[in-house]
Amino acid sequence: MTSEIRRTFYPLISYSDPGKAIEWLERAFGFTPHEVFKDEQGNFVHTEMSYDTGIFMFNKGKPGTSALYVAVDDPDAHYARAKAAGAEIFREPADQDYGSREYAALDPEGNEWYFGTYRP
């Protein structure tokens, strides 16, 4: 009997050219594309790669920056708690096209934290 892995933390990385990053990460480190989402113009909007039981996510952005995505069961309650504690919210809770409900906040040192129901 196999059990499903319930992941909670997902590193987020930014690349200036996600297409080249996918190819290089696959060739150099043996990572496998898990999900690749593009817009109508063919631009990368979200990518997931896996290795063994781990998954990380990335998109187009400033290289060398990173953040963390945390899967939570109730993002609205989580948002209320973070806001009450003084977290700087830079993305209000919203339903996403891919079925997740998410919000994003900065911690006191300016690190980005994303919280939502999405679990790759």
PDB file of N, CA and C in Angstrom:
ATOM      1  N   MET A   1       0.845  -1.169   0.000  1.00  0.00           N
ATOM      2  CA  MET A   1       0.000   0.000   0.000  1.00  0.00           C
ATOM      3  C   MET A   1       0.896   1.239   0.000  1.00  0.00           C
ATOM      4  N   THR A   2       0.597   2.174  -0.876  1.00  0.00           N
ATOM      5  CA  THR A   2       1.353   3.423  -0.921  1.00  0.00           C
ATOM      6  C   THR A   2       0.509   4.547  -0.357  1.00  0.00           C
ATOM      7  N   SER A   3       1.174   5.479   0.283  1.00  0.00           N
ATOM      8  CA  SER A   3       0.442   6.628   0.810  1.00  0.00           C
ATOM      9  C   SER A   3       0.880   7.869   0.044  1.00  0.00           C
ATOM     10  N   GLU A   4      -0.041   8.787  -0.104  1.00  0.00           N
ATOM     11  CA  GLU A   4       0.240  10.032  -0.811  1.00  0.00           C
ATOM     12  C   GLU A   4       1.059  10.957   0.082  1.00  0.00           C
ATOM     13  N   ILE A   5       2.051  11.602  -0.518  1.00  0.00           N
ATOM     14  CA  ILE A   5       2.870  12.559   0.218  1.00  0.00           C
ATOM     15  C   ILE A   5       2.113  13.870   0.305  1.00  0.00           C
ATOM     16  N   ARG A   6       2.002  14.400   1.509  1.00  0.00           N
ATOM     17  CA  ARG A   6       1.327  15.683   1.717  1.00  0.00           C
ATOM     18  C   ARG A   6       2.405  16.720   2.017  1.00  0.00           C
ATOM     19  N   ARG A   7       2.831  17.407   0.967  1.00  0.00           N
ATOM     20  CA  ARG A   7       3.869  18.420   1.106  1.00  0.00           C
ATOM     21  C   ARG A   7       3.276  19.713   1.661  1.00  0.00           C
ATOM     22  N   THR A   8       4.108  20.499   2.321  1.00  0.00           N
ATOM     23  CA  THR A   8       3.667  21.768   2.885  1.00  0.00           C
ATOM     24  C   THR A   8       4.507  22.940   2.399  1.00  0.00           C
ATOM     25  N   PHE A   9       5.835  22.800   2.339  1.00  0.00           N
ATOM     26  CA  PHE A   9       6.726  23.893   1.964  1.00  0.00           C
ATOM     27  C   PHE A   9       7.251  23.693   0.553  1.00  0.00           C
ATOM     28  N   TYR A  10       7.232  24.785  -0.239  1.00  0.00           N
ATOM     29  CA  TYR A  10       7.708  24.761  -1.614  1.00  0.00           C
ATOM     30  C   TYR A  10       8.601  25.975  -1.871  1.00  0.00           C
ATOM     31  N   PRO A  11       9.901  25.779  -2.083  1.00  0.00           N
ATOM     32  CA  PRO A  11      10.764  26.914  -2.412  1.00  0.00           C
ATOM     33  C   PRO A  11      10.330  27.548  -3.729  1.00  0.00           C
ATOM     34  N   LEU A  12      10.471  28.854  -3.826  1.00  0.00           N
ATOM     35  CA  LEU A  12      10.178  29.611  -5.043  1.00  0.00           C
ATOM     36  C   LEU A  12      11.459  30.298  -5.501  1.00  0.00           C
ATOM     37  N   ILE A  13      11.796  30.118  -6.772  1.00  0.00           N
ATOM     38  CA  ILE A  13      13.008  30.691  -7.339  1.00  0.00           C
ATOM     39  C   ILE A  13      12.621  31.494  -8.574  1.00  0.00           C
ATOM     40  N   SER A  14      13.364  32.558  -8.857  1.00  0.00           N
ATOM     41  CA  SER A  14      13.106  33.375 -10.047  1.00  0.00           C
ATOM     42  C   SER A  14      14.233  33.213 -11.059  1.00  0.00           C
ATOM     43  N   TYR A  15      13.865  33.143 -12.339  1.00  0.00           N
ATOM     44  CA  TYR A  15      14.821  33.065 -13.440  1.00  0.00           C
ATOM     45  C   TYR A  15      14.442  34.090 -14.497  1.00  0.00           C
ATOM     46  N   SER A  16      15.455  34.692 -15.128  1.00  0.00           N
ATOM     47  CA  SER A  16      15.171  35.655 -16.192  1.00  0.00           C
ATOM     48  C   SER A  16      14.650  34.954 -17.441  1.00  0.00           C
ATOM     49  N   ASP A  17      15.034  33.694 -17.647  1.00  0.00           N
ATOM     50  CA  ASP A  17      14.571  32.922 -18.803  1.00  0.00           C
ATOM     51  C   ASP A  17      14.158  31.529 -18.327  1.00  0.00           C
ATOM     52  N   PRO A  18      12.884  31.380 -17.936  1.00  0.00           N
ATOM     53  CA  PRO A  18      12.433  30.084 -17.410  1.00  0.00           C
ATOM     54  C   PRO A  18      12.623  28.912 -18.373  1.00  0.00           C
ATOM     55  N   GLY A  19      12.468  29.144 -19.671  1.00  0.00           N
ATOM     56  CA  GLY A  19      12.646  28.063 -20.642  1.00  0.00           C
ATOM     57  C   GLY A  19      14.059  27.501 -20.615  1.00  0.00           C
ATOM     58  N   LYS A  20      15.054  28.392 -20.609  1.00  0.00           N
ATOM     59  CA  LYS A  20      16.442  27.949 -20.527  1.00  0.00           C
ATOM     60  C   LYS A  20      16.716  27.295 -19.175  1.00  0.00           C
ATOM     61  N   ALA A  21      16.096  27.824 -18.125  1.00  0.00           N
ATOM     62  CA  ALA A  21      16.293  27.256 -16.785  1.00  0.00           C
ATOM     63  C   ALA A  21      15.791  25.818 -16.733  1.00  0.00           C
ATOM     64  N   ILE A  22      14.637  25.559 -17.318  1.00  0.00           N
ATOM     65  CA  ILE A  22      14.089  24.197 -17.328  1.00  0.00           C
ATOM     66  C   ILE A  22      15.084  23.239 -17.980  1.00  0.00           C
ATOM     67  N   GLU A  23      15.555  23.628 -19.160  1.00  0.00           N
ATOM     68  CA  GLU A  23      16.499  22.775 -19.890  1.00  0.00           C
ATOM     69  C   GLU A  23      17.765  22.534 -19.084  1.00  0.00           C
ATOM     70  N   TRP A  24      18.331  23.597 -18.510  1.00  0.00           N
ATOM     71  CA  TRP A  24      19.582  23.471 -17.773  1.00  0.00           C
ATOM     72  C   TRP A  24      19.404  22.652 -16.505  1.00  0.00           C
ATOM     73  N   LEU A  25      18.352  22.911 -15.738  1.00  0.00           N
ATOM     74  CA  LEU A  25      18.109  22.182 -14.490  1.00  0.00           C
ATOM     75  C   LEU A  25      17.894  20.690 -14.750  1.00  0.00           C
ATOM     76  N   GLU A  26      17.249  20.386 -15.863  1.00  0.00           N
ATOM     77  CA  GLU A  26      17.038  18.985 -16.231  1.00  0.00           C
ATOM     78  C   GLU A  26      18.365  18.332 -16.618  1.00  0.00           C
ATOM     79  N   ARG A  27      19.138  19.011 -17.468  1.00  0.00           N
ATOM     80  CA  ARG A  27      20.406  18.468 -17.946  1.00  0.00           C
ATOM     81  C   ARG A  27      21.455  18.390 -16.834  1.00  0.00           C
ATOM     82  N   ALA A  28      21.579  19.434 -16.033  1.00  0.00           N
ATOM     83  CA  ALA A  28      22.649  19.496 -15.035  1.00  0.00           C
ATOM     84  C   ALA A  28      22.340  18.727 -13.762  1.00  0.00           C
ATOM     85  N   PHE A  29      21.119  18.833 -13.269  1.00  0.00           N
ATOM     86  CA  PHE A  29      20.792  18.258 -11.961  1.00  0.00           C
ATOM     87  C   PHE A  29      19.829  17.074 -12.013  1.00  0.00           C
ATOM     88  N   GLY A  30      19.303  16.760 -13.192  1.00  0.00           N
ATOM     89  CA  GLY A  30      18.373  15.643 -13.302  1.00  0.00           C
ATOM     90  C   GLY A  30      16.977  15.946 -12.799  1.00  0.00           C
ATOM     91  N   PHE A  31      16.647  17.247 -12.646  1.00  0.00           N
ATOM     92  CA  PHE A  31      15.291  17.614 -12.227  1.00  0.00           C
ATOM     93  C   PHE A  31      14.331  17.356 -13.382  1.00  0.00           C
ATOM     94  N   THR A  32      13.082  17.057 -13.055  1.00  0.00           N
ATOM     95  CA  THR A  32      12.068  16.738 -14.051  1.00  0.00           C
ATOM     96  C   THR A  32      10.960  17.785 -14.028  1.00  0.00           C
ATOM     97  N   PRO A  33      10.566  18.301 -15.213  1.00  0.00           N
ATOM     98  CA  PRO A  33       9.416  19.216 -15.220  1.00  0.00           C
ATOM     99  C   PRO A  33       8.183  18.499 -14.672  1.00  0.00           C
ATOM    100  N   HIS A  34       7.535  19.116 -13.715  1.00  0.00           N
ATOM    101  CA  HIS A  34       6.331  18.553 -13.095  1.00  0.00           C
ATOM    102  C   HIS A  34       5.087  19.211 -13.681  1.00  0.00           C
ATOM    103  N   GLU A  35       5.067  20.527 -13.712  1.00  0.00           N
ATOM    104  CA  GLU A  35       3.994  21.312 -14.329  1.00  0.00           C
ATOM    105  C   GLU A  35       4.633  22.536 -14.966  1.00  0.00           C
ATOM    106  N   VAL A  36       4.166  22.905 -16.160  1.00  0.00           N
ATOM    107  CA  VAL A  36       4.639  24.114 -16.827  1.00  0.00           C
ATOM    108  C   VAL A  36       3.405  24.844 -17.352  1.00  0.00           C
ATOM    109  N   PHE A  37       3.207  26.073 -16.889  1.00  0.00           N
ATOM    110  CA  PHE A  37       2.058  26.870 -17.296  1.00  0.00           C
ATOM    111  C   PHE A  37       2.533  28.084 -18.086  1.00  0.00           C
ATOM    112  N   LYS A  38       1.907  28.293 -19.250  1.00  0.00           N
ATOM    113  CA  LYS A  38       2.218  29.446 -20.101  1.00  0.00           C
ATOM    114  C   LYS A  38       0.933  30.228 -20.356  1.00  0.00           C
ATOM    115  N   ASP A  39       1.093  31.519 -20.657  1.00  0.00           N
ATOM    116  CA  ASP A  39      -0.074  32.323 -21.009  1.00  0.00           C
ATOM    117  C   ASP A  39      -0.379  32.153 -22.501  1.00  0.00           C
ATOM    118  N   GLU A  40      -1.365  32.886 -22.995  1.00  0.00           N
ATOM    119  CA  GLU A  40      -1.794  32.746 -24.397  1.00  0.00           C
ATOM    120  C   GLU A  40      -0.689  33.111 -25.384  1.00  0.00           C
ATOM    121  N   GLN A  41       0.261  33.951 -24.969  1.00  0.00           N
ATOM    122  CA  GLN A  41       1.361  34.352 -25.832  1.00  0.00           C
ATOM    123  C   GLN A  41       2.549  33.389 -25.745  1.00  0.00           C
ATOM    124  N   GLY A  42       2.449  32.372 -24.932  1.00  0.00           N
ATOM    125  CA  GLY A  42       3.525  31.401 -24.789  1.00  0.00           C
ATOM    126  C   GLY A  42       4.570  31.769 -23.757  1.00  0.00           C
ATOM    127  N   ASN A  43       4.303  32.798 -22.961  1.00  0.00           N
ATOM    128  CA  ASN A  43       5.225  33.205 -21.903  1.00  0.00           C
ATOM    129  C   ASN A  43       5.047  32.312 -20.679  1.00  0.00           C
ATOM    130  N   PHE A  44       6.150  31.944 -20.058  1.00  0.00           N
ATOM    131  CA  PHE A  44       6.086  31.136 -18.847  1.00  0.00           C
ATOM    132  C   PHE A  44       5.496  31.973 -17.712  1.00  0.00           C
ATOM    133  N   VAL A  45       4.499  31.414 -17.019  1.00  0.00           N
ATOM    134  CA  VAL A  45       3.926  32.106 -15.868  1.00  0.00           C
ATOM    135  C   VAL A  45       4.157  31.339 -14.568  1.00  0.00           C
ATOM    136  N   HIS A  46       4.373  30.044 -14.671  1.00  0.00           N
ATOM    137  CA  HIS A  46       4.608  29.228 -13.472  1.00  0.00           C
ATOM    138  C   HIS A  46       5.170  27.884 -13.911  1.00  0.00           C
ATOM    139  N   THR A  47       6.216  27.440 -13.208  1.00  0.00           N
ATOM    140  CA  THR A  47       6.839  26.159 -13.517  1.00  0.00           C
ATOM    141  C   THR A  47       7.110  25.419 -12.215  1.00  0.00           C
ATOM    142  N   GLU A  48       6.954  24.114 -12.251  1.00  0.00           N
ATOM    143  CA  GLU A  48       7.295  23.256 -11.121  1.00  0.00           C
ATOM    144  C   GLU A  48       8.228  22.173 -11.637  1.00  0.00           C
ATOM    145  N   MET A  49       9.269  21.903 -10.865  1.00  0.00           N
ATOM    146  CA  MET A  49      10.169  20.812 -11.199  1.00  0.00           C
ATOM    147  C   MET A  49      10.307  19.916  -9.989  1.00  0.00           C
ATOM    148  N   SER A  50      10.580  18.642 -10.248  1.00  0.00           N
ATOM    149  CA  SER A  50      10.662  17.693  -9.142  1.00  0.00           C
ATOM    150  C   SER A  50      11.963  16.902  -9.209  1.00  0.00           C
ATOM    151  N   TYR A  51      12.269  16.352  -8.054  1.00  0.00           N
ATOM    152  CA  TYR A  51      13.391  15.436  -7.915  1.00  0.00           C
ATOM    153  C   TYR A  51      13.070  14.560  -6.721  1.00  0.00           C
ATOM    154  N   ASP A  52      13.008  13.254  -6.943  1.00  0.00           N
ATOM    155  CA  ASP A  52      12.622  12.325  -5.895  1.00  0.00           C
ATOM    156  C   ASP A  52      11.259  12.757  -5.343  1.00  0.00           C
ATOM    157  N   THR A  53      11.142  13.038  -4.059  1.00  0.00           N
ATOM    158  CA  THR A  53       9.846  13.452  -3.508  1.00  0.00           C
ATOM    159  C   THR A  53       9.712  14.966  -3.385  1.00  0.00           C
ATOM    160  N   GLY A  54      10.752  15.722  -3.784  1.00  0.00           N
ATOM    161  CA  GLY A  54      10.717  17.178  -3.631  1.00  0.00           C
ATOM    162  C   GLY A  54      10.227  17.901  -4.869  1.00  0.00           C
ATOM    163  N   ILE A  55       9.601  19.043  -4.637  1.00  0.00           N
ATOM    164  CA  ILE A  55       9.129  19.906  -5.719  1.00  0.00           C
ATOM    165  C   ILE A  55       9.506  21.336  -5.366  1.00  0.00           C
ATOM    166  N   PHE A  56       9.980  22.091  -6.372  1.00  0.00           N
ATOM    167  CA  PHE A  56      10.158  23.528  -6.193  1.00  0.00           C
ATOM    168  C   PHE A  56       9.475  24.222  -7.356  1.00  0.00           C
ATOM    169  N   MET A  57       9.170  25.494  -7.173  1.00  0.00           N
ATOM    170  CA  MET A  57       8.443  26.263  -8.160  1.00  0.00           C
ATOM    171  C   MET A  57       9.277  27.462  -8.577  1.00  0.00           C
ATOM    172  N   PHE A  58       9.071  27.921  -9.805  1.00  0.00           N
ATOM    173  CA  PHE A  58       9.713  29.155 -10.231  1.00  0.00           C
ATOM    174  C   PHE A  58       8.918  29.836 -11.330  1.00  0.00           C
ATOM    175  N   ASN A  59       9.276  31.109 -11.534  1.00  0.00           N
ATOM    176  CA  ASN A  59       8.665  31.913 -12.575  1.00  0.00           C
ATOM    177  C   ASN A  59       9.696  32.892 -13.105  1.00  0.00           C
ATOM    178  N   LYS A  60       9.253  33.719 -14.031  1.00  0.00           N
ATOM    179  CA  LYS A  60      10.147  34.745 -14.559  1.00  0.00           C
ATOM    180  C   LYS A  60      10.245  35.864 -13.538  1.00  0.00           C
ATOM    181  N   GLY A  61      11.455  36.261 -13.244  1.00  0.00           N
ATOM    182  CA  GLY A  61      11.663  37.319 -12.275  1.00  0.00           C
ATOM    183  C   GLY A  61      13.128  37.656 -12.158  1.00  0.00           C
ATOM    184  N   LYS A  62      13.461  38.408 -11.152  1.00  0.00           N
ATOM    185  CA  LYS A  62      14.840  38.834 -10.920  1.00  0.00           C
ATOM    186  C   LYS A  62      15.656  37.645 -10.420  1.00  0.00           C
ATOM    187  N   PRO A  63      16.675  37.235 -11.162  1.00  0.00           N
ATOM    188  CA  PRO A  63      17.510  36.112 -10.725  1.00  0.00           C
ATOM    189  C   PRO A  63      18.131  36.380  -9.361  1.00  0.00           C
ATOM    190  N   GLY A  64      18.304  35.316  -8.605  1.00  0.00           N
ATOM    191  CA  GLY A  64      18.923  35.432  -7.289  1.00  0.00           C
ATOM    192  C   GLY A  64      17.949  35.755  -6.183  1.00  0.00           C
ATOM    193  N   THR A  65      16.681  35.880  -6.523  1.00  0.00           N
ATOM    194  CA  THR A  65      15.675  36.119  -5.493  1.00  0.00           C
ATOM    195  C   THR A  65      14.902  34.833  -5.253  1.00  0.00           C
ATOM    196  N   SER A  66      14.420  34.670  -4.073  1.00  0.00           N
ATOM    197  CA  SER A  66      13.640  33.477  -3.765  1.00  0.00           C
ATOM    198  C   SER A  66      12.609  33.807  -2.700  1.00  0.00           C
ATOM    199  N   ALA A  67      11.700  32.896  -2.520  1.00  0.00           N
ATOM    200  CA  ALA A  67      10.628  33.055  -1.545  1.00  0.00           C
ATOM    201  C   ALA A  67      10.184  31.662  -1.140  1.00  0.00           C
ATOM    202  N   LEU A  68       9.145  31.581  -0.346  1.00  0.00           N
ATOM    203  CA  LEU A  68       8.643  30.281   0.076  1.00  0.00           C
ATOM    204  C   LEU A  68       7.126  30.259  -0.047  1.00  0.00           C
ATOM    205  N   TYR A  69       6.618  29.174  -0.624  1.00  0.00           N
ATOM    206  CA  TYR A  69       5.178  28.940  -0.706  1.00  0.00           C
ATOM    207  C   TYR A  69       4.844  27.897   0.348  1.00  0.00           C
ATOM    208  N   VAL A  70       3.798  28.156   1.133  1.00  0.00           N
ATOM    209  CA  VAL A  70       3.385  27.238   2.179  1.00  0.00           C
ATOM    210  C   VAL A  70       1.928  26.858   1.925  1.00  0.00           C
ATOM    211  N   ALA A  71       1.673  25.571   1.783  1.00  0.00           N
ATOM    212  CA  ALA A  71       0.312  25.095   1.591  1.00  0.00           C
ATOM    213  C   ALA A  71      -0.405  25.080   2.935  1.00  0.00           C
ATOM    214  N   VAL A  72      -1.572  25.719   2.980  1.00  0.00           N
ATOM    215  CA  VAL A  72      -2.389  25.771   4.192  1.00  0.00           C
ATOM    216  C   VAL A  72      -3.811  25.350   3.838  1.00  0.00           C
ATOM    217  N   ASP A  73      -4.516  24.817   4.800  1.00  0.00           N
ATOM    218  CA  ASP A  73      -5.876  24.353   4.543  1.00  0.00           C
ATOM    219  C   ASP A  73      -6.892  25.479   4.498  1.00  0.00           C
ATOM    220  N   ASP A  74      -6.678  26.560   5.255  1.00  0.00           N
ATOM    221  CA  ASP A  74      -7.625  27.667   5.319  1.00  0.00           C
ATOM    222  C   ASP A  74      -6.871  28.990   5.148  1.00  0.00           C
ATOM    223  N   PRO A  75      -6.635  29.415   3.905  1.00  0.00           N
ATOM    224  CA  PRO A  75      -5.849  30.626   3.692  1.00  0.00           C
ATOM    225  C   PRO A  75      -6.500  31.892   4.235  1.00  0.00           C
ATOM    226  N   ASP A  76      -7.813  31.942   4.301  1.00  0.00           N
ATOM    227  CA  ASP A  76      -8.481  33.143   4.828  1.00  0.00           C
ATOM    228  C   ASP A  76      -8.231  33.301   6.324  1.00  0.00           C
ATOM    229  N   ALA A  77      -8.294  32.211   7.070  1.00  0.00           N
ATOM    230  CA  ALA A  77      -8.009  32.273   8.504  1.00  0.00           C
ATOM    231  C   ALA A  77      -6.522  32.584   8.716  1.00  0.00           C
ATOM    232  N   HIS A  78      -5.679  32.001   7.888  1.00  0.00           N
ATOM    233  CA  HIS A  78      -4.245  32.242   7.986  1.00  0.00           C
ATOM    234  C   HIS A  78      -3.940  33.716   7.705  1.00  0.00           C
ATOM    235  N   TYR A  79      -4.582  34.262   6.681  1.00  0.00           N
ATOM    236  CA  TYR A  79      -4.435  35.671   6.321  1.00  0.00           C
ATOM    237  C   TYR A  79      -4.846  36.572   7.487  1.00  0.00           C
ATOM    238  N   ALA A  80      -5.981  36.277   8.104  1.00  0.00           N
ATOM    239  CA  ALA A  80      -6.463  37.087   9.232  1.00  0.00           C
ATOM    240  C   ALA A  80      -5.449  37.080  10.374  1.00  0.00           C
ATOM    241  N   ARG A  81      -4.880  35.943  10.648  1.00  0.00           N
ATOM    242  CA  ARG A  81      -3.878  35.840  11.711  1.00  0.00           C
ATOM    243  C   ARG A  81      -2.639  36.665  11.378  1.00  0.00           C
ATOM    244  N   ALA A  82      -2.151  36.531  10.128  1.00  0.00           N
ATOM    245  CA  ALA A  82      -0.959  37.268   9.713  1.00  0.00           C
ATOM    246  C   ALA A  82      -1.200  38.775   9.752  1.00  0.00           C
ATOM    247  N   LYS A  83      -2.362  39.192   9.267  1.00  0.00           N
ATOM    248  CA  LYS A  83      -2.683  40.625   9.252  1.00  0.00           C
ATOM    249  C   LYS A  83      -2.785  41.164  10.675  1.00  0.00           C
ATOM    250  N   ALA A  84      -3.409  40.410  11.569  1.00  0.00           N
ATOM    251  CA  ALA A  84      -3.531  40.835  12.966  1.00  0.00           C
ATOM    252  C   ALA A  84      -2.164  40.959  13.642  1.00  0.00           C
ATOM    253  N   ALA A  85      -1.204  40.164  13.187  1.00  0.00           N
ATOM    254  CA  ALA A  85       0.143  40.208  13.757  1.00  0.00           C
ATOM    255  C   ALA A  85       0.998  41.304  13.127  1.00  0.00           C
ATOM    256  N   GLY A  86       0.442  42.017  12.149  1.00  0.00           N
ATOM    257  CA  GLY A  86       1.162  43.124  11.535  1.00  0.00           C
ATOM    258  C   GLY A  86       1.942  42.788  10.288  1.00  0.00           C
ATOM    259  N   ALA A  87       1.702  41.614   9.703  1.00  0.00           N
ATOM    260  CA  ALA A  87       2.390  41.257   8.464  1.00  0.00           C
ATOM    261  C   ALA A  87       2.004  42.245   7.366  1.00  0.00           C
ATOM    262  N   GLU A  88       2.979  42.602   6.536  1.00  0.00           N
ATOM    263  CA  GLU A  88       2.699  43.476   5.401  1.00  0.00           C
ATOM    264  C   GLU A  88       2.158  42.618   4.262  1.00  0.00           C
ATOM    265  N   ILE A  89       0.878  42.756   3.975  1.00  0.00           N
ATOM    266  CA  ILE A  89       0.228  41.973   2.929  1.00  0.00           C
ATOM    267  C   ILE A  89       0.456  42.674   1.593  1.00  0.00           C
ATOM    268  N   PHE A  90       1.035  41.959   0.628  1.00  0.00           N
ATOM    269  CA  PHE A  90       1.212  42.584  -0.683  1.00  0.00           C
ATOM    270  C   PHE A  90       0.374  41.918  -1.768  1.00  0.00           C
ATOM    271  N   ARG A  91      -0.335  40.867  -1.420  1.00  0.00           N
ATOM    272  CA  ARG A  91      -1.327  40.264  -2.313  1.00  0.00           C
ATOM    273  C   ARG A  91      -2.472  39.765  -1.444  1.00  0.00           C
ATOM    274  N   GLU A  92      -3.615  40.393  -1.585  1.00  0.00           N
ATOM    275  CA  GLU A  92      -4.792  40.021  -0.802  1.00  0.00           C
ATOM    276  C   GLU A  92      -5.268  38.623  -1.203  1.00  0.00           C
ATOM    277  N   PRO A  93      -5.995  37.931  -0.327  1.00  0.00           N
ATOM    278  CA  PRO A  93      -6.511  36.602  -0.675  1.00  0.00           C
ATOM    279  C   PRO A  93      -7.366  36.659  -1.945  1.00  0.00           C
ATOM    280  N   ALA A  94      -7.115  35.713  -2.828  1.00  0.00           N
ATOM    281  CA  ALA A  94      -7.852  35.652  -4.088  1.00  0.00           C
ATOM    282  C   ALA A  94      -7.846  34.227  -4.614  1.00  0.00           C
ATOM    283  N   ASP A  95      -8.912  33.883  -5.323  1.00  0.00           N
ATOM    284  CA  ASP A  95      -8.994  32.589  -5.987  1.00  0.00           C
ATOM    285  C   ASP A  95      -8.188  32.663  -7.281  1.00  0.00           C
ATOM    286  N   GLN A  96      -7.392  31.641  -7.539  1.00  0.00           N
ATOM    287  CA  GLN A  96      -6.541  31.582  -8.722  1.00  0.00           C
ATOM    288  C   GLN A  96      -7.186  30.712  -9.792  1.00  0.00           C
ATOM    289  N   ASP A  97      -6.782  30.904 -11.043  1.00  0.00           N
ATOM    290  CA  ASP A  97      -7.321  30.134 -12.164  1.00  0.00           C
ATOM    291  C   ASP A  97      -7.080  28.639 -12.009  1.00  0.00           C
ATOM    292  N   TYR A  98      -6.022  28.258 -11.302  1.00  0.00           N
ATOM    293  CA  TYR A  98      -5.668  26.846 -11.159  1.00  0.00           C
ATOM    294  C   TYR A  98      -6.299  26.206  -9.928  1.00  0.00           C
ATOM    295  N   GLY A  99      -7.255  26.915  -9.304  1.00  0.00           N
ATOM    296  CA  GLY A  99      -8.041  26.318  -8.231  1.00  0.00           C
ATOM    297  C   GLY A  99      -7.583  26.610  -6.823  1.00  0.00           C
ATOM    298  N   SER A 100      -6.496  27.328  -6.658  1.00  0.00           N
ATOM    299  CA  SER A 100      -5.991  27.631  -5.322  1.00  0.00           C
ATOM    300  C   SER A 100      -6.554  28.960  -4.824  1.00  0.00           C
ATOM    301  N   ARG A 101      -6.638  29.094  -3.539  1.00  0.00           N
ATOM    302  CA  ARG A 101      -6.933  30.386  -2.908  1.00  0.00           C
ATOM    303  C   ARG A 101      -5.651  30.782  -2.192  1.00  0.00           C
ATOM    304  N   GLU A 102      -5.152  32.008  -2.450  1.00  0.00           N
ATOM    305  CA  GLU A 102      -3.830  32.390  -1.974  1.00  0.00           C
ATOM    306  C   GLU A 102      -3.762  33.848  -1.547  1.00  0.00           C
ATOM    307  N   TYR A 103      -2.752  34.134  -0.721  1.00  0.00           N
ATOM    308  CA  TYR A 103      -2.376  35.505  -0.398  1.00  0.00           C
ATOM    309  C   TYR A 103      -0.871  35.524  -0.202  1.00  0.00           C
ATOM    310  N   ALA A 104      -0.295  36.727  -0.135  1.00  0.00           N
ATOM    311  CA  ALA A 104       1.150  36.844   0.039  1.00  0.00           C
ATOM    312  C   ALA A 104       1.476  37.983   0.997  1.00  0.00           C
ATOM    313  N   ALA A 105       2.554  37.785   1.769  1.00  0.00           N
ATOM    314  CA  ALA A 105       2.951  38.760   2.781  1.00  0.00           C
ATOM    315  C   ALA A 105       4.474  38.839   2.874  1.00  0.00           C
ATOM    316  N   LEU A 106       4.929  39.941   3.456  1.00  0.00           N
ATOM    317  CA  LEU A 106       6.343  40.114   3.750  1.00  0.00           C
ATOM    318  C   LEU A 106       6.558  39.943   5.241  1.00  0.00           C
ATOM    319  N   ASP A 107       7.674  39.326   5.611  1.00  0.00           N
ATOM    320  CA  ASP A 107       8.022  39.271   7.024  1.00  0.00           C
ATOM    321  C   ASP A 107       8.802  40.544   7.383  1.00  0.00           C
ATOM    322  N   PRO A 108       9.169  40.754   8.638  1.00  0.00           N
ATOM    323  CA  PRO A 108       9.843  42.000   9.030  1.00  0.00           C
ATOM    324  C   PRO A 108      11.163  42.270   8.310  1.00  0.00           C
ATOM    325  N   GLU A 109      11.795  41.228   7.737  1.00  0.00           N
ATOM    326  CA  GLU A 109      13.056  41.407   7.020  1.00  0.00           C
ATOM    327  C   GLU A 109      12.854  41.552   5.513  1.00  0.00           C
ATOM    328  N   GLY A 110      11.594  41.549   5.064  1.00  0.00           N
ATOM    329  CA  GLY A 110      11.298  41.724   3.645  1.00  0.00           C
ATOM    330  C   GLY A 110      11.249  40.451   2.829  1.00  0.00           C
ATOM    331  N   ASN A 111      11.314  39.280   3.476  1.00  0.00           N
ATOM    332  CA  ASN A 111      11.193  38.017   2.754  1.00  0.00           C
ATOM    333  C   ASN A 111       9.740  37.803   2.327  1.00  0.00           C
ATOM    334  N   GLU A 112       9.572  37.247   1.124  1.00  0.00           N
ATOM    335  CA  GLU A 112       8.232  36.996   0.599  1.00  0.00           C
ATOM    336  C   GLU A 112       7.737  35.616   1.023  1.00  0.00           C
ATOM    337  N   TRP A 113       6.504  35.591   1.506  1.00  0.00           N
ATOM    338  CA  TRP A 113       5.841  34.355   1.900  1.00  0.00           C
ATOM    339  C   TRP A 113       4.504  34.284   1.178  1.00  0.00           C
ATOM    340  N   TYR A 114       4.260  33.147   0.519  1.00  0.00           N
ATOM    341  CA  TYR A 114       3.001  32.913  -0.187  1.00  0.00           C
ATOM    342  C   TYR A 114       2.289  31.765   0.516  1.00  0.00           C
ATOM    343  N   PHE A 115       1.001  31.933   0.754  1.00  0.00           N
ATOM    344  CA  PHE A 115       0.209  30.914   1.428  1.00  0.00           C
ATOM    345  C   PHE A 115      -1.026  30.616   0.603  1.00  0.00           C
ATOM    346  N   GLY A 116      -1.338  29.324   0.445  1.00  0.00           N
ATOM    347  CA  GLY A 116      -2.514  28.950  -0.343  1.00  0.00           C
ATOM    348  C   GLY A 116      -2.813  27.481  -0.249  1.00  0.00           C
ATOM    349  N   THR A 117      -3.868  27.100  -0.937  1.00  0.00           N
ATOM    350  CA  THR A 117      -4.344  25.721  -0.889  1.00  0.00           C
ATOM    351  C   THR A 117      -3.715  24.820  -1.945  1.00  0.00           C
ATOM    352  N   TYR A 118      -2.946  25.392  -2.867  1.00  0.00           N
ATOM    353  CA  TYR A 118      -2.354  24.608  -3.944  1.00  0.00           C
ATOM    354  C   TYR A 118      -1.295  23.649  -3.399  1.00  0.00           C
ATOM    355  N   ARG A 119      -1.408  22.400  -3.779  1.00  0.00           N
ATOM    356  CA  ARG A 119      -0.413  21.383  -3.446  1.00  0.00           C
ATOM    357  C   ARG A 119      -0.104  20.611  -4.730  1.00  0.00           C
ATOM    358  N   PRO A 120       1.076  20.901  -5.343  1.00  0.00           N
ATOM    359  CA  PRO A 120       1.429  20.196  -6.597  1.00  0.00           C
ATOM    360  C   PRO A 120       1.403  18.689  -6.427  1.00  0.00           C
TER     361      PRO A 120
END
